[in-house]
Every structure is written in C-alpha cells, then in structure tokens.
C-alpha atoms as a PDB file:
ATOM      1  CA  MET A   1     -20.817  -2.704  14.664  1.00  0.00           C
ATOM      2  CA  ALA A   2     -18.470  -4.604  16.765  1.00  0.00           C
ATOM      3  CA  LYS A   3     -19.744  -7.965  18.127  1.00  0.00           C
ATOM      4  CA  ILE A   4     -19.301 -10.675  20.653  1.00  0.00           C
ATOM      5  CA  ALA A   5     -19.791 -14.078  19.405  1.00  0.00           C
ATOM      6  CA  PHE A   6     -20.938 -17.334  20.946  1.00  0.00           C
ATOM      7  CA  VAL A   7     -19.933 -20.719  19.480  1.00  0.00           C
ATOM      8  CA  ASP A   8     -21.711 -23.484  21.167  1.00  0.00           C
ATOM      9  CA  ASP A   9     -23.299 -26.869  19.737  1.00  0.00           C
ATOM     10  CA  ASP A  10     -26.295 -26.512  22.134  1.00  0.00           C
ATOM     11  CA  LYS A  11     -28.729 -24.195  20.736  1.00  0.00           C
ATOM     12  CA  GLU A  12     -30.869 -23.416  23.878  1.00  0.00           C
ATOM     13  CA  ILE A  13     -27.897 -22.715  25.665  1.00  0.00           C
ATOM     14  CA  ARG A  14     -26.381 -20.840  23.437  1.00  0.00           C
ATOM     15  CA  GLU A  15     -29.162 -18.495  22.555  1.00  0.00           C
ATOM     16  CA  SER A  16     -30.091 -18.192  26.245  1.00  0.00           C
ATOM     17  CA  LEU A  17     -26.484 -16.961  27.000  1.00  0.00           C
ATOM     18  CA  SER A  18     -26.411 -14.634  23.878  1.00  0.00           C
ATOM     19  CA  ILE A  19     -29.951 -13.024  25.267  1.00  0.00           C
ATOM     20  CA  LYS A  20     -28.535 -12.665  28.872  1.00  0.00           C
ATOM     21  CA  LEU A  21     -25.235 -11.231  27.641  1.00  0.00           C
ATOM     22  CA  SER A  22     -27.063  -8.736  25.306  1.00  0.00           C
ATOM     23  CA  LYS A  23     -29.247  -7.566  28.308  1.00  0.00           C
ATOM     24  CA  MET A  24     -26.169  -7.087  30.451  1.00  0.00           C
ATOM     25  CA  LEU A  25     -24.314  -4.968  27.773  1.00  0.00           C
ATOM     26  CA  ARG A  26     -27.275  -2.649  27.229  1.00  0.00           C
ATOM     27  CA  LYS A  27     -27.661  -2.101  31.205  1.00  0.00           C
ATOM     28  CA  SER A  28     -23.895  -1.222  31.032  1.00  0.00           C
ATOM     29  CA  GLY A  29     -24.389   1.123  28.275  1.00  0.00           C
ATOM     30  CA  SER A  30     -22.040  -0.765  25.821  1.00  0.00           C
ATOM     31  CA  THR A  31     -22.734  -0.615  22.137  1.00  0.00           C
ATOM     32  CA  LEU A  32     -21.471  -4.154  21.414  1.00  0.00           C
ATOM     33  CA  GLU A  33     -23.745  -6.551  19.921  1.00  0.00           C
ATOM     34  CA  VAL A  34     -24.014 -10.523  20.472  1.00  0.00           C
ATOM     35  CA  ILE A  35     -24.255 -13.144  17.755  1.00  0.00           C
ATOM     36  CA  ASP A  36     -24.257 -16.919  18.239  1.00  0.00           C
ATOM     37  CA  ILE A  37     -23.607 -19.860  15.963  1.00  0.00           C
ATOM     38  CA  PHE A  38     -23.438 -23.578  15.830  1.00  0.00           C
ATOM     39  CA  PRO A  39     -19.934 -24.548  15.223  1.00  0.00           C
ATOM     40  CA  PHE A  40     -18.486 -24.774  11.487  1.00  0.00           C
ATOM     41  CA  GLN A  41     -17.598 -28.055  10.213  1.00  0.00           C
ATOM     42  CA  ASP A  42     -14.085 -26.738   9.234  1.00  0.00           C
ATOM     43  CA  PHE A  43     -11.836 -24.295  10.912  1.00  0.00           C
ATOM     44  CA  ALA A  44     -11.536 -22.398   7.621  1.00  0.00           C
ATOM     45  CA  TYR A  45     -14.903 -21.144   7.717  1.00  0.00           C
ATOM     46  CA  TYR A  46     -14.260 -19.138  11.002  1.00  0.00           C
ATOM     47  CA  PHE A  47     -11.833 -16.804   9.442  1.00  0.00           C
ATOM     48  CA  PRO A  48     -13.852 -14.818   6.774  1.00  0.00           C
ATOM     49  CA  TRP A  49     -16.981 -15.392   9.284  1.00  0.00           C
ATOM     50  CA  ILE A  50     -15.000 -13.355  12.040  1.00  0.00           C
ATOM     51  CA  GLU A  51     -14.049 -10.565   9.612  1.00  0.00           C
ATOM     52  CA  GLU A  52     -17.325 -10.084   7.929  1.00  0.00           C
ATOM     53  CA  ASN A  53     -19.211  -9.841  11.009  1.00  0.00           C
ATOM     54  CA  ASP A  54     -16.654  -7.458  12.950  1.00  0.00           C
ATOM     55  CA  ILE A  55     -16.209  -9.971  15.881  1.00  0.00           C
ATOM     56  CA  CYS A  56     -14.154  -8.481  18.483  1.00  0.00           C
ATOM     57  CA  VAL A  57     -14.553 -11.037  21.274  1.00  0.00           C
ATOM     58  CA  ILE A  58     -15.400 -14.817  20.909  1.00  0.00           C
ATOM     59  CA  ILE A  59     -16.634 -17.144  23.645  1.00  0.00           C
ATOM     60  CA  LEU A  60     -16.625 -20.867  23.132  1.00  0.00           C
ATOM     61  CA  ASP A  61     -17.843 -23.888  24.611  1.00  0.00           C
ATOM     62  CA  GLU A  62     -15.388 -26.612  25.127  1.00  0.00           C
ATOM     63  CA  ARG A  63     -17.467 -29.578  24.312  1.00  0.00           C
ATOM     64  CA  LEU A  64     -18.582 -28.718  20.769  1.00  0.00           C
ATOM     65  CA  PHE A  65     -18.692 -32.171  19.434  1.00  0.00           C
ATOM     66  CA  ASN A  66     -21.966 -33.410  20.849  1.00  0.00           C
ATOM     67  CA  GLY A  67     -24.635 -31.545  19.163  1.00  0.00           C
ATOM     68  CA  ARG A  68     -26.560 -31.618  15.965  1.00  0.00           C
ATOM     69  CA  GLU A  69     -28.390 -28.789  14.500  1.00  0.00           C
ATOM     70  CA  ASN A  70     -30.511 -28.262  11.179  1.00  0.00           C
ATOM     71  CA  GLY A  71     -28.749 -31.343   9.660  1.00  0.00           C
ATOM     72  CA  LYS A  72     -25.064 -30.238  10.740  1.00  0.00           C
ATOM     73  CA  GLY A  73     -22.969 -31.874  13.195  1.00  0.00           C
ATOM     74  CA  PRO A  74     -21.717 -33.142  15.321  1.00  0.00           C
ATOM     75  CA  VAL A  75     -18.229 -31.509  14.792  1.00  0.00           C
ATOM     76  CA  LYS A  76     -15.003 -33.524  15.304  1.00  0.00           C
ATOM     77  CA  TYR A  77     -13.060 -30.901  17.333  1.00  0.00           C
ATOM     78  CA  ARG A  78     -13.217 -29.298  20.849  1.00  0.00           C
ATOM     79  CA  GLY A  79     -13.133 -25.654  21.751  1.00  0.00           C
ATOM     80  CA  SER A  80      -9.464 -25.765  22.794  1.00  0.00           C
ATOM     81  CA  GLU A  81      -8.366 -27.270  19.465  1.00  0.00           C
ATOM     82  CA  LEU A  82     -10.715 -24.219  17.742  1.00  0.00           C
ATOM     83  CA  VAL A  83      -8.889 -21.621  19.726  1.00  0.00           C
ATOM     84  CA  ARG A  84      -5.469 -23.002  18.617  1.00  0.00           C
ATOM     85  CA  ALA A  85      -6.407 -22.624  15.088  1.00  0.00           C
ATOM     86  CA  LEU A  86      -7.631 -19.220  15.477  1.00  0.00           C
ATOM     87  CA  ARG A  87      -4.635 -17.984  17.182  1.00  0.00           C
ATOM     88  CA  GLU A  88      -2.618 -18.806  14.169  1.00  0.00           C
ATOM     89  CA  ARG A  89      -4.253 -15.722  12.484  1.00  0.00           C
ATOM     90  CA  PHE A  90      -6.117 -13.904  15.475  1.00  0.00           C
ATOM     91  CA  LYS A  91      -3.249 -13.726  17.868  1.00  0.00           C
ATOM     92  CA  ASP A  92      -4.463 -10.839  19.991  1.00  0.00           C
ATOM     93  CA  MET A  93      -8.432 -11.424  19.851  1.00  0.00           C
ATOM     94  CA  PRO A  94      -9.986 -11.895  23.371  1.00  0.00           C
ATOM     95  CA  ILE A  95     -11.036 -15.494  23.220  1.00  0.00           C
ATOM     96  CA  TYR A  96     -12.834 -16.978  26.127  1.00  0.00           C
ATOM     97  CA  THR A  97     -14.238 -20.629  26.895  1.00  0.00           C
ATOM     98  CA  LEU A  98     -17.394 -21.255  28.886  1.00  0.00           C
ATOM     99  CA  SER A  99     -17.653 -24.596  29.967  1.00  0.00           C
ATOM    100  CA  ALA A 100     -18.933 -26.860  32.868  1.00  0.00           C
ATOM    101  CA  TYR A 101     -15.902 -29.024  32.675  1.00  0.00           C
ATOM    102  CA  THR A 102     -13.195 -26.437  33.528  1.00  0.00           C
ATOM    103  CA  ALA A 103     -11.013 -29.298  34.863  1.00  0.00           C
ATOM    104  CA  ASP A 104     -10.964 -31.010  31.465  1.00  0.00           C
ATOM    105  CA  ASP A 105      -7.414 -31.978  30.629  1.00  0.00           C
ATOM    106  CA  ASP A 106      -7.528 -30.842  26.863  1.00  0.00           C
ATOM    107  CA  LEU A 107      -8.890 -27.458  28.099  1.00  0.00           C
ATOM    108  CA  GLN A 108      -6.283 -27.042  30.600  1.00  0.00           C
ATOM    109  CA  HIS A 109      -3.402 -28.017  28.230  1.00  0.00           C
ATOM    110  CA  GLU A 110      -4.622 -25.121  25.975  1.00  0.00           C
ATOM    111  CA  PHE A 111      -5.354 -22.861  29.079  1.00  0.00           C
ATOM    112  CA  ASN A 112      -2.752 -20.046  27.819  1.00  0.00           C
ATOM    113  CA  GLU A 113      -4.505 -19.774  24.416  1.00  0.00           C
ATOM    114  CA  PHE A 114      -7.619 -18.489  26.124  1.00  0.00           C
ATOM    115  CA  ASP A 115      -7.929 -15.027  27.748  1.00  0.00           C
ATOM    116  CA  SER A 116      -9.950 -17.023  30.530  1.00  0.00           C
ATOM    117  CA  ILE A 117     -11.813 -20.065  31.295  1.00  0.00           C
ATOM    118  CA  ILE A 118     -15.317 -19.189  32.827  1.00  0.00           C
ATOM    119  CA  ARG A 119     -17.339 -21.675  34.440  1.00  0.00           C
ATOM    120  CA  LYS A 120     -20.989 -21.898  33.023  1.00  0.00           C
ATOM    121  CA  ARG A 121     -22.222 -21.834  36.820  1.00  0.00           C
ATOM    122  CA  ASP A 122     -20.374 -18.727  37.504  1.00  0.00           C
ATOM    123  CA  PHE A 123     -21.580 -16.816  34.503  1.00  0.00           C
ATOM    124  CA  ALA A 124     -25.209 -17.900  35.428  1.00  0.00           C
ATOM    125  CA  ASP A 125     -24.574 -16.009  38.734  1.00  0.00           C
ATOM    126  CA  LYS A 126     -25.630 -12.350  38.398  1.00  0.00           C
ATOM    127  CA  ASN A 127     -22.920 -10.879  40.152  1.00  0.00           C
ATOM    128  CA  LYS A 128     -20.094 -13.110  38.802  1.00  0.00           C
ATOM    129  CA  ALA A 129     -21.337 -12.577  35.429  1.00  0.00           C
ATOM    130  CA  SER A 130     -21.299  -8.637  35.619  1.00  0.00           C
ATOM    131  CA  LYS A 131     -17.769  -8.931  36.408  1.00  0.00           C
ATOM    132  CA  TYR A 132     -17.020 -11.037  33.568  1.00  0.00           C
ATOM    133  CA  VAL A 133     -19.051  -8.647  31.193  1.00  0.00           C
ATOM    134  CA  GLU A 134     -16.827  -5.667  32.389  1.00  0.00           C
ATOM    135  CA  ILE A 135     -13.753  -7.720  31.757  1.00  0.00           C
ATOM    136  CA  ILE A 136     -15.156  -8.637  28.267  1.00  0.00           C
ATOM    137  CA  ILE A 137     -15.780  -5.019  27.425  1.00  0.00           C
ATOM    138  CA  ARG A 138     -12.308  -3.709  28.486  1.00  0.00           C
ATOM    139  CA  ALA A 139     -10.789  -6.691  26.468  1.00  0.00           C
ATOM    140  CA  SER A 140     -12.714  -5.548  23.350  1.00  0.00           C
ATOM    141  CA  GLN A 141     -11.816  -1.881  23.804  1.00  0.00           C
ATOM    142  CA  ARG A 142      -7.954  -2.884  24.078  1.00  0.00           C
ATOM    143  CA  TYR A 143      -8.351  -5.036  20.840  1.00  0.00           C
ATOM    144  CA  LEU A 144     -10.036  -2.416  18.840  1.00  0.00           C
ATOM    145  CA  LYS A 145      -7.586   0.330  19.936  1.00  0.00           C
ATOM    146  CA  GLU A 146      -4.648  -1.887  19.226  1.00  0.00           C
ATOM    147  CA  ASN A 147      -5.905  -2.519  15.706  1.00  0.00           C
ATOM    148  CA  GLU A 148      -6.217   1.184  14.986  1.00  0.00           C
ATOM    149  CA  LYS A 149      -2.747   1.594  16.343  1.00  0.00           C
ATOM    150  CA  GLU A 150      -1.215  -0.992  14.052  1.00  0.00           C
ATOM    151  CA  LEU A 151      -3.122   0.396  10.868  1.00  0.00           C
ATOM    152  CA  SER A 152      -1.732   3.909  11.808  1.00  0.00           C
ATOM    153  CA  THR A 153       1.834   2.202  11.876  1.00  0.00           C
ATOM    154  CA  TYR A 154       1.107   0.405   8.692  1.00  0.00           C
ATOM    155  CA  ASP A 155       0.071   3.643   7.053  1.00  0.00           C
ATOM    156  CA  GLU A 156       3.086   5.466   8.187  1.00  0.00           C
ATOM    157  CA  LEU A 157       5.394   2.568   6.857  1.00  0.00           C
ATOM    158  CA  THR A 158       3.652   2.586   3.781  1.00  0.00           C
ATOM    159  CA  ARG A 159       4.230   6.263   3.176  1.00  0.00           C
ATOM    160  CA  LYS A 160       7.927   5.799   4.031  1.00  0.00           C
ATOM    161  CA  VAL A 161       8.323   2.712   1.470  1.00  0.00           C
ATOM    162  CA  ALA A 162       6.233   4.928  -1.289  1.00  0.00           C
ATOM    163  CA  SER A 163       8.566   7.906  -1.027  1.00  0.00           C
ATOM    164  CA  GLY A 164      11.715   5.625  -1.061  1.00  0.00           C
ATOM    165  CA  GLN A 165      12.739   6.648   2.571  1.00  0.00           C
ATOM    166  CA  SER A 166      12.509   3.214   4.023  1.00  0.00           C
ATOM    167  CA  ASP A 167      15.192   1.036   5.310  1.00  0.00           C
ATOM    168  CA  GLU A 168      15.300  -2.755   5.772  1.00  0.00           C
ATOM    169  CA  ASP A 169      13.871  -2.556   9.326  1.00  0.00           C
ATOM    170  CA  ASP A 170      11.032  -0.687   7.830  1.00  0.00           C
ATOM    171  CA  ILE A 171      10.229  -3.238   5.387  1.00  0.00           C
ATOM    172  CA  GLN A 172      10.432  -6.034   7.729  1.00  0.00           C
ATOM    173  CA  ARG A 173       8.021  -4.303  10.099  1.00  0.00           C
ATOM    174  CA  LEU A 174       5.685  -3.585   7.134  1.00  0.00           C
ATOM    175  CA  GLN A 175       5.792  -7.139   6.095  1.00  0.00           C
ATOM    176  CA  ALA A 176       4.967  -8.404   9.591  1.00  0.00           C
ATOM    177  CA  LEU A 177       1.950  -5.911   9.843  1.00  0.00           C
ATOM    178  CA  GLN A 178       0.624  -7.131   6.346  1.00  0.00           C
ATOM    179  CA  THR A 179       0.707 -10.556   7.565  1.00  0.00           C
ATOM    180  CA  LYS A 180      -0.865  -9.837  10.935  1.00  0.00           C
ATOM    181  CA  LEU A 181      -3.441  -7.613   9.465  1.00  0.00           C
ATOM    182  CA  HIS A 182      -4.191  -9.890   6.345  1.00  0.00           C
ATOM    183  CA  LEU A 183      -3.454  -6.883   4.064  1.00  0.00           C
ATOM    184  CA  PRO A 184      -2.368  -7.532   0.411  1.00  0.00           C
ATOM    185  CA  MET A 185       1.181  -8.168  -0.118  1.00  0.00           C
ATOM    186  CA  MET A 186       3.489  -6.849  -2.905  1.00  0.00           C
ATOM    187  CA  ASP A 187       5.484  -8.982  -4.910  1.00  0.00           C
ATOM    188  CA  SER A 188       8.406  -6.639  -4.107  1.00  0.00           C
ATOM    189  CA  LEU A 189       8.432  -4.276  -1.233  1.00  0.00           C
ATOM    190  CA  LYS A 190      11.662  -2.715  -2.276  1.00  0.00           C
ATOM    191  CA  ASP A 191      10.277  -1.716  -5.809  1.00  0.00           C
ATOM    192  CA  ARG A 192       9.312   2.070  -5.199  1.00  0.00           C
ATOM    193  CA  ASN A 193       7.540   2.132  -8.409  1.00  0.00           C
ATOM    194  CA  THR A 194       5.250  -0.555  -7.491  1.00  0.00           C
ATOM    195  CA  TRP A 195       4.487   0.981  -4.312  1.00  0.00           C
ATOM    196  CA  LEU A 196       3.682   4.167  -6.036  1.00  0.00           C
ATOM    197  CA  ASP A 197       1.508   2.536  -8.477  1.00  0.00           C
ATOM    198  CA  GLU A 198      -0.463   0.917  -5.716  1.00  0.00           C
ATOM    199  CA  TYR A 199      -0.318   3.400  -3.051  1.00  0.00           C
ATOM    200  CA  GLU A 200      -3.372   5.283  -3.596  1.00  0.00           C
ATOM    201  CA  SER A 201      -5.737   2.426  -3.634  1.00  0.00           C
ATOM    202  CA  GLN A 202      -4.008   0.916  -0.520  1.00  0.00           C
ATOM    203  CA  VAL A 203      -4.400   4.202   1.490  1.00  0.00           C
ATOM    204  CA  ASN A 204      -7.890   4.539   0.506  1.00  0.00           C
ATOM    205  CA  SER A 205      -8.657   0.987   1.705  1.00  0.00           C
ATOM    206  CA  LEU A 206      -6.759   1.654   4.883  1.00  0.00           C
ATOM    207  CA  ASN A 207      -8.456   4.804   5.846  1.00  0.00           C
ATOM    208  CA  ASP A 208     -11.894   3.292   5.443  1.00  0.00           C
ATOM    209  CA  ILE A 209     -10.746   0.551   7.974  1.00  0.00           C
ATOM    210  CA  LYS A 210      -9.291   3.243  10.270  1.00  0.00           C
ATOM    211  CA  ARG A 211     -12.596   5.358  10.058  1.00  0.00           C
ATOM    212  CA  ILE A 212     -14.725   2.226  10.906  1.00  0.00           C
ATOM    213  CA  LEU A 213     -12.540   1.336  13.862  1.00  0.00           C
ATOM    214  CA  GLU A 214     -12.682   4.907  15.120  1.00  0.00           C
ATOM    215  CA  GLU A 215     -16.437   4.869  15.291  1.00  0.00           C
ATOM    216  CA  LYS A 216     -16.443   1.570  17.084  1.00  0.00           C
ATOM    217  CA  ILE A 217     -13.948   2.835  19.652  1.00  0.00           C
ATOM    218  CA  LYS A 218     -15.947   6.117  20.089  1.00  0.00           C
ATOM    219  CA  LYS A 219     -19.549   4.392  20.596  1.00  0.00           C
ATOM    220  CA  ILE A 220     -17.905   1.857  23.000  1.00  0.00           C
ATOM    221  CA  ASN A 221     -16.203   4.619  24.967  1.00  0.00           C
ATOM    222  CA  GLU A 222     -19.477   6.554  25.138  1.00  0.00           C
ATOM    223  CA  GLN A 223     -20.934   3.971  27.441  1.00  0.00           C
END
C-alpha cells in the first residue's frame, strides 16, 4: 500500500498530524496510508526505509535537530539538508516541508528542492489543510504513474538489448533508467549473451513491480 510519511522530531506533533491527515485521506476516499517516524541518525537509513515501506510522499519538519526519543537524537541536520540528500536518489518524489519557520534562511535556500513549503498554522486550518491534501493526493498519483511509465520503458529497452536490436542511444537510456530506478546493472550492456542469460529473471522482477504499481494506481483512482 502506497504511503505518505511524516518525519518530525516532536512525537506529539508528528502523531497528531498523522492522525489528522489519515482522517482527511479517508474522508476524501483515498487509499493512501500515513506513517510517521523520528528522524534517522544517518541519511543512509532513509533509502531502504522509503523503498521497503512504499513511500510515495514525504512531509518533513525543518527543525529536526531539537528532539530526543527513546534514547535517540538529537540529529545533527535540518529538513532542508535531508531533502537535498533524498534528491540524490528520489529526484521526482513529492517532498514537502511543514514548518512554523517558513522564513528560515536555510529552508528558503533549499526552496526548489521541496514541492512546497507549508506553514504549520495553515495545515491546522481545516479549509487550507483540505486543499493541501488534494495537492498531495494528485502528486502521489503523478509519481506512481511516472514510475509505471519508466518501468514500461525499461522493459521495452531490455527486450531490445536482449534481442540484439539496440543501438548506443538505447543502451544509454537503459543505463539512465537503471540508475534512476535502482535496478541491477550488468557488467556489459553490449554483451547480448549476458542479457539473454539474465533476461528472464529481470523481466519477472520487473513485472512484479509493475503489477504492484498498477494496483496502487487503481486503488488511488477509485477514490
């Protein structure tokens, strides 16, 4: 199930916002789920967590460095620093910041890395929050559909390489998609025999991913 994730060092605020957003999503008919976490100590932990939990939207607090929780923290980074690290891998994922300090210099400096900077007081307002929820739902739909499209292109290019009908441009596009989608890289994309040996297992994995994405998109579109 596709999920929206809150990352905040304040447990009370984090859980309160998660409950509120969950209720609003259910009211809108969305099948998106909401989870929340205390920030990880290191950026590297976010990447497997995002993939393992089917995260399609992230909402960050800017001042992540104040809180402690269950012996963890405080972390040594801001939300604006975290989003920059996340963009190295998840360039198109919708990422928002929810902050009471929207004029913060560091936050403004990384403005372009966020899909939007949301004031906490606006999110507390029922009417304004509803508009943001609609925006977040649409953003999640676009993100999931784009992933499905890229996987289809990857499948098409893989077939061309396996059949020996690819050119240099196809190989470069395939390498770019492998990097973006974090799919296994072959030692030699030009080696047809290598591709033929690995092709079946690659396609099976790809079809599983496509099926999951199609199910997620179908559920979201049914809202």
